[in-house]
Structures are given as structure tokens and as C-alpha cells.
């Protein structure tokens, strides 16, 4: 990547410039590259425990979603109004919404459900920044598996986004059931 001095944009606006930098960021394979609060960030590769937690969710989600929807890992979801781009651990998106448009990025507003699993490097962002961003984009459900919650590992389901804020629909310690409402109608336990 070329190095430039000074503050200026090479594209017509700040969002396009951030996306240009995001697309050109040369990070080690498997790292998560996101745009958080207007900054391109790189998070380390997820631990095996992280992947073990998403796999059962994916399997169970496929049992209840329409055939025209998919469950995606590492799908880049944009919230341009916040100058943010997230790469959630899981995203449930109608396949039609991914046709056309940018080949690397989808608008967060097309997601029906997103799931994030906290790590030491992402906990604050997952709890605060992404919750606000997904709510602003109108994502109906945000599932946060917070292994590092102060009161112990907790699963929190957020929903009913309004004015950039979610309502907590359910919160339970790991090992307790959490019920996803329609259109999912799925009860699941995170261990």
C-alpha cells in the first residue's frame, strides 16, 4: 500500500475511502478486518472454542430458516451512517439480498440475525459499538455470546431496534436455554 502524508481522501467521500482502505488491508489469513468507529481494525484469528460455539448454532438455524436464507460466517456487513463495517461470527441473511451490489460487502440492514462471540480483544466493541450499529441498521435480532461478561458467561438476545437502540429480549447464563422468536422459533443452549 502506498504511504501518504496528510489528511485527505482519495475518493469522493469518507465512507468510500474507508472501504477502499479496508479492501486493500493486507492482514494475515484468517484475521478479522473491520471498520470500527471510522478506523480499520484487525483482530486475531478466532480460537477453536470460538468456532465450536458457532457450529451448533449454524446447524440448528438451518433447521428453522427458509430455504432462501443462508447462515454465513465472516460476511462483511456495512453500516455506512456510522462509518462502520462488521464481520460477525454468524449472520442470517436472505440469499437474494446478497445478489448484485458489492462483491465483498452487504448492507447490515439485510441481516435477519447476527451473532457475535466476545473475545478479550472484541468484548467492548461487541457489547457496545456493534449493538448500537446493528440496531441503527435495523437488524431485527442480535445474539451476543459473552464469555467474558462480568457476572459470568452470558448469552444476551437483543431485539426490537428503535432509534439505534435494542431492547434486551432475553439474557441467560451459559448452560441455560435461550429462545429466538419468530421467524426462527428456536430454543437453544450455549455451553
Protein backbone atom coordinates (compact mmCIF):
# COMPACT_ATOMS: atom_id res chain seq x y z
CA UNK A 1 0.00 0.00 0.00
CA UNK A 2 1.28 3.47 -0.81
CA UNK A 3 2.10 5.74 2.08
CA UNK A 4 0.79 9.31 2.05
CA UNK A 5 1.28 12.24 4.37
CA UNK A 6 -1.55 14.46 5.49
CA UNK A 7 -5.28 14.09 5.87
CA UNK A 8 -7.12 13.79 2.61
CA UNK A 9 -9.42 11.47 0.76
CA UNK A 10 -8.58 9.69 -2.47
CA UNK A 11 -12.28 9.02 -3.12
CA UNK A 12 -15.37 11.23 -3.16
CA UNK A 13 -16.34 10.65 0.48
CA UNK A 14 -15.07 9.32 3.79
CA UNK A 15 -17.07 6.06 3.64
CA UNK A 16 -15.75 5.16 0.20
CA UNK A 17 -12.22 5.93 1.39
CA UNK A 18 -12.60 3.68 4.43
CA UNK A 19 -13.93 0.84 2.26
CA UNK A 20 -11.04 1.36 -0.18
CA UNK A 21 -8.53 1.07 2.68
CA UNK A 22 -10.44 -1.91 4.17
CA UNK A 23 -10.31 -3.77 0.86
CA UNK A 24 -6.58 -3.08 0.50
CA UNK A 25 -5.65 -4.00 4.08
CA UNK A 26 -3.14 -6.82 3.96
CA UNK A 27 -3.85 -8.82 7.11
CA UNK A 28 -2.74 -12.37 7.90
CA UNK A 29 -5.13 -15.00 6.56
CA UNK A 30 -7.97 -15.69 8.97
CA UNK A 31 -7.78 -12.35 10.77
CA UNK A 32 -10.95 -10.30 11.01
CA UNK A 33 -10.63 -6.89 9.34
CA UNK A 34 -13.42 -4.47 10.27
CA UNK A 35 -14.13 -0.76 10.32
CA UNK A 36 -14.94 0.34 13.86
CA UNK A 37 -15.74 3.97 14.63
CA UNK A 38 -14.12 5.09 11.38
CA UNK A 39 -10.90 3.09 11.89
CA UNK A 40 -9.84 -0.03 10.00
CA UNK A 41 -9.07 -2.66 12.65
CA UNK A 42 -7.54 -6.13 12.56
CA UNK A 43 -8.49 -8.77 15.14
CA UNK A 44 -6.55 -12.02 15.57
CA UNK A 45 -7.76 -15.35 14.23
CA UNK A 46 -10.53 -16.86 16.38
CA UNK A 47 -9.73 -19.65 18.82
CA UNK A 48 -11.08 -23.17 18.31
CA UNK A 49 -13.55 -22.67 21.19
CA UNK A 50 -14.99 -19.72 19.28
CA UNK A 51 -15.67 -21.88 16.22
CA UNK A 52 -17.02 -24.73 18.35
CA UNK A 53 -19.61 -22.31 19.72
CA UNK A 54 -20.87 -21.12 16.32
CA UNK A 55 -21.14 -24.53 14.66
CA UNK A 56 -24.16 -25.85 16.63
CA UNK A 57 -25.97 -22.54 16.16
CA UNK A 58 -25.44 -22.75 12.43
CA UNK A 59 -26.70 -26.34 12.31
CA UNK A 60 -29.84 -25.53 14.32
CA UNK A 61 -30.55 -22.33 12.40
CA UNK A 62 -30.61 -24.24 9.11
CA UNK A 63 -33.38 -26.40 10.59
CA UNK A 64 -35.70 -23.40 11.08
CA UNK A 65 -34.89 -20.78 8.44
CA UNK A 66 -36.50 -20.62 4.99
CA UNK A 67 -34.61 -22.39 2.18
CA UNK A 68 -33.99 -19.00 0.56
CA UNK A 69 -31.93 -17.78 3.56
CA UNK A 70 -28.34 -18.63 4.44
CA UNK A 71 -26.21 -18.71 7.59
CA UNK A 72 -22.89 -17.05 6.87
CA UNK A 73 -19.56 -16.88 8.69
CA UNK A 74 -17.40 -13.80 8.27
CA UNK A 75 -19.82 -11.90 5.99
CA UNK A 76 -18.90 -8.20 5.90
CA UNK A 77 -21.92 -6.10 6.92
CA UNK A 78 -21.76 -2.34 6.39
CA UNK A 79 -23.30 0.45 8.43
CA UNK A 80 -22.11 3.48 6.41
CA UNK A 81 -24.05 6.01 8.52
CA UNK A 82 -21.73 5.09 11.43
CA UNK A 83 -18.61 4.64 9.26
CA UNK A 84 -18.55 1.01 10.39
CA UNK A 85 -18.24 -2.41 8.80
CA UNK A 86 -18.58 -5.53 10.92
CA UNK A 87 -17.69 -9.15 10.25
CA UNK A 88 -19.99 -11.07 12.62
CA UNK A 89 -19.35 -14.63 13.71
CA UNK A 90 -22.70 -15.62 12.15
CA UNK A 91 -25.21 -13.73 10.05
CA UNK A 92 -28.57 -14.99 8.80
CA UNK A 93 -29.35 -13.25 5.52
CA UNK A 94 -31.81 -13.89 2.69
CA UNK A 95 -29.73 -15.10 -0.26
CA UNK A 96 -31.49 -12.68 -2.62
CA UNK A 97 -30.12 -9.75 -0.61
CA UNK A 98 -26.57 -10.84 -1.47
CA UNK A 99 -27.10 -10.81 -5.24
CA UNK A 100 -25.79 -7.80 -7.12
CA UNK A 101 -24.15 -4.93 -5.32
CA UNK A 102 -20.63 -5.05 -3.91
CA UNK A 103 -18.88 -8.40 -4.21
CA UNK A 104 -17.32 -8.14 -0.72
CA UNK A 105 -19.82 -6.20 1.40
CA UNK A 106 -23.53 -6.43 2.20
CA UNK A 107 -25.59 -3.81 3.96
CA UNK A 108 -26.20 -4.74 7.61
CA UNK A 109 -29.87 -3.90 7.14
CA UNK A 110 -30.39 -7.11 5.11
CA UNK A 111 -29.46 -9.37 8.04
CA UNK A 112 -32.26 -11.04 9.98
CA UNK A 113 -29.97 -12.14 12.83
CA UNK A 114 -26.34 -11.56 13.71
CA UNK A 115 -24.29 -13.36 16.33
CA UNK A 116 -21.08 -12.20 17.95
CA UNK A 117 -18.93 -14.10 20.43
CA UNK A 118 -16.75 -11.96 22.64
CA UNK A 119 -13.03 -12.38 22.97
CA UNK A 120 -10.55 -10.41 25.04
CA UNK A 121 -9.88 -8.12 22.08
CA UNK A 122 -13.50 -7.62 20.94
CA UNK A 123 -15.65 -7.68 24.11
CA UNK A 124 -16.20 -3.93 24.45
CA UNK A 125 -16.82 -3.48 20.73
CA UNK A 126 -19.25 -6.43 20.62
CA UNK A 127 -21.18 -5.23 23.69
CA UNK A 128 -21.45 -1.53 22.86
CA UNK A 129 -20.37 -0.45 19.39
CA UNK A 130 -21.78 -3.35 17.40
CA UNK A 131 -25.01 -3.47 19.42
CA UNK A 132 -25.61 0.19 18.55
CA UNK A 133 -24.58 -0.29 14.92
CA UNK A 134 -26.74 -3.34 14.30
CA UNK A 135 -29.67 -1.59 15.99
CA UNK A 136 -29.19 1.54 13.85
CA UNK A 137 -29.14 -0.66 10.74
CA UNK A 138 -32.42 -2.24 11.86
CA UNK A 139 -31.13 -5.80 12.25
CA UNK A 140 -34.11 -7.47 14.00
CA UNK A 141 -32.08 -9.74 16.32
CA UNK A 142 -28.57 -9.52 17.77
CA UNK A 143 -27.33 -12.52 19.75
CA UNK A 144 -24.28 -11.86 21.93
CA UNK A 145 -22.46 -14.82 23.47
CA UNK A 146 -20.38 -13.01 26.07
CA UNK A 147 -17.86 -15.45 27.51
CA UNK A 148 -16.25 -12.59 29.44
CA UNK A 149 -19.30 -10.91 30.98
CA UNK A 150 -18.54 -9.50 34.45
CA UNK A 151 -21.24 -11.69 36.04
CA UNK A 152 -20.06 -14.82 34.23
CA UNK A 153 -20.55 -16.19 30.70
CA UNK A 154 -23.88 -14.86 29.44
CA UNK A 155 -25.98 -15.07 26.28
CA UNK A 156 -27.99 -11.94 25.56
CA UNK A 157 -30.60 -11.64 22.84
CA UNK A 158 -31.31 -8.09 21.68
CA UNK A 159 -34.27 -7.14 19.52
CA UNK A 160 -36.88 -4.54 18.63
CA UNK A 161 -34.37 -1.96 17.38
CA UNK A 162 -35.55 1.63 17.66
CA UNK A 163 -33.57 4.85 17.26
CA UNK A 164 -30.26 2.96 17.30
CA UNK A 165 -31.04 1.07 20.49
CA UNK A 166 -32.06 -2.51 21.18
CA UNK A 167 -34.29 -3.86 23.88
CA UNK A 168 -32.95 -6.90 25.78
CA UNK A 169 -35.32 -9.75 24.92
CA UNK A 170 -33.53 -12.42 26.96
CA UNK A 171 -30.37 -12.86 28.98
CA UNK A 172 -29.20 -16.12 30.49
CA UNK A 173 -26.02 -17.71 31.79
CA UNK A 174 -24.29 -20.24 29.57
CA UNK A 175 -25.99 -23.61 30.03
CA UNK A 176 -29.50 -22.08 30.21
CA UNK A 177 -31.91 -22.10 27.27
CA UNK A 178 -32.39 -19.02 25.11
CA UNK A 179 -35.41 -18.75 22.82
CA UNK A 180 -35.21 -16.98 19.48
CA UNK A 181 -38.59 -15.52 18.48
CA UNK A 182 -40.28 -15.70 15.07
CA UNK A 183 -39.29 -16.18 12.36
CA UNK A 184 -36.78 -18.55 13.98
CA UNK A 185 -38.75 -20.11 16.84
CA UNK A 186 -35.71 -21.90 18.16
CA UNK A 187 -34.71 -22.69 21.72
CA UNK A 188 -31.02 -23.31 22.18
CA UNK A 189 -28.50 -23.67 24.99
CA UNK A 190 -24.97 -22.26 24.77
CA UNK A 191 -22.37 -24.25 26.68
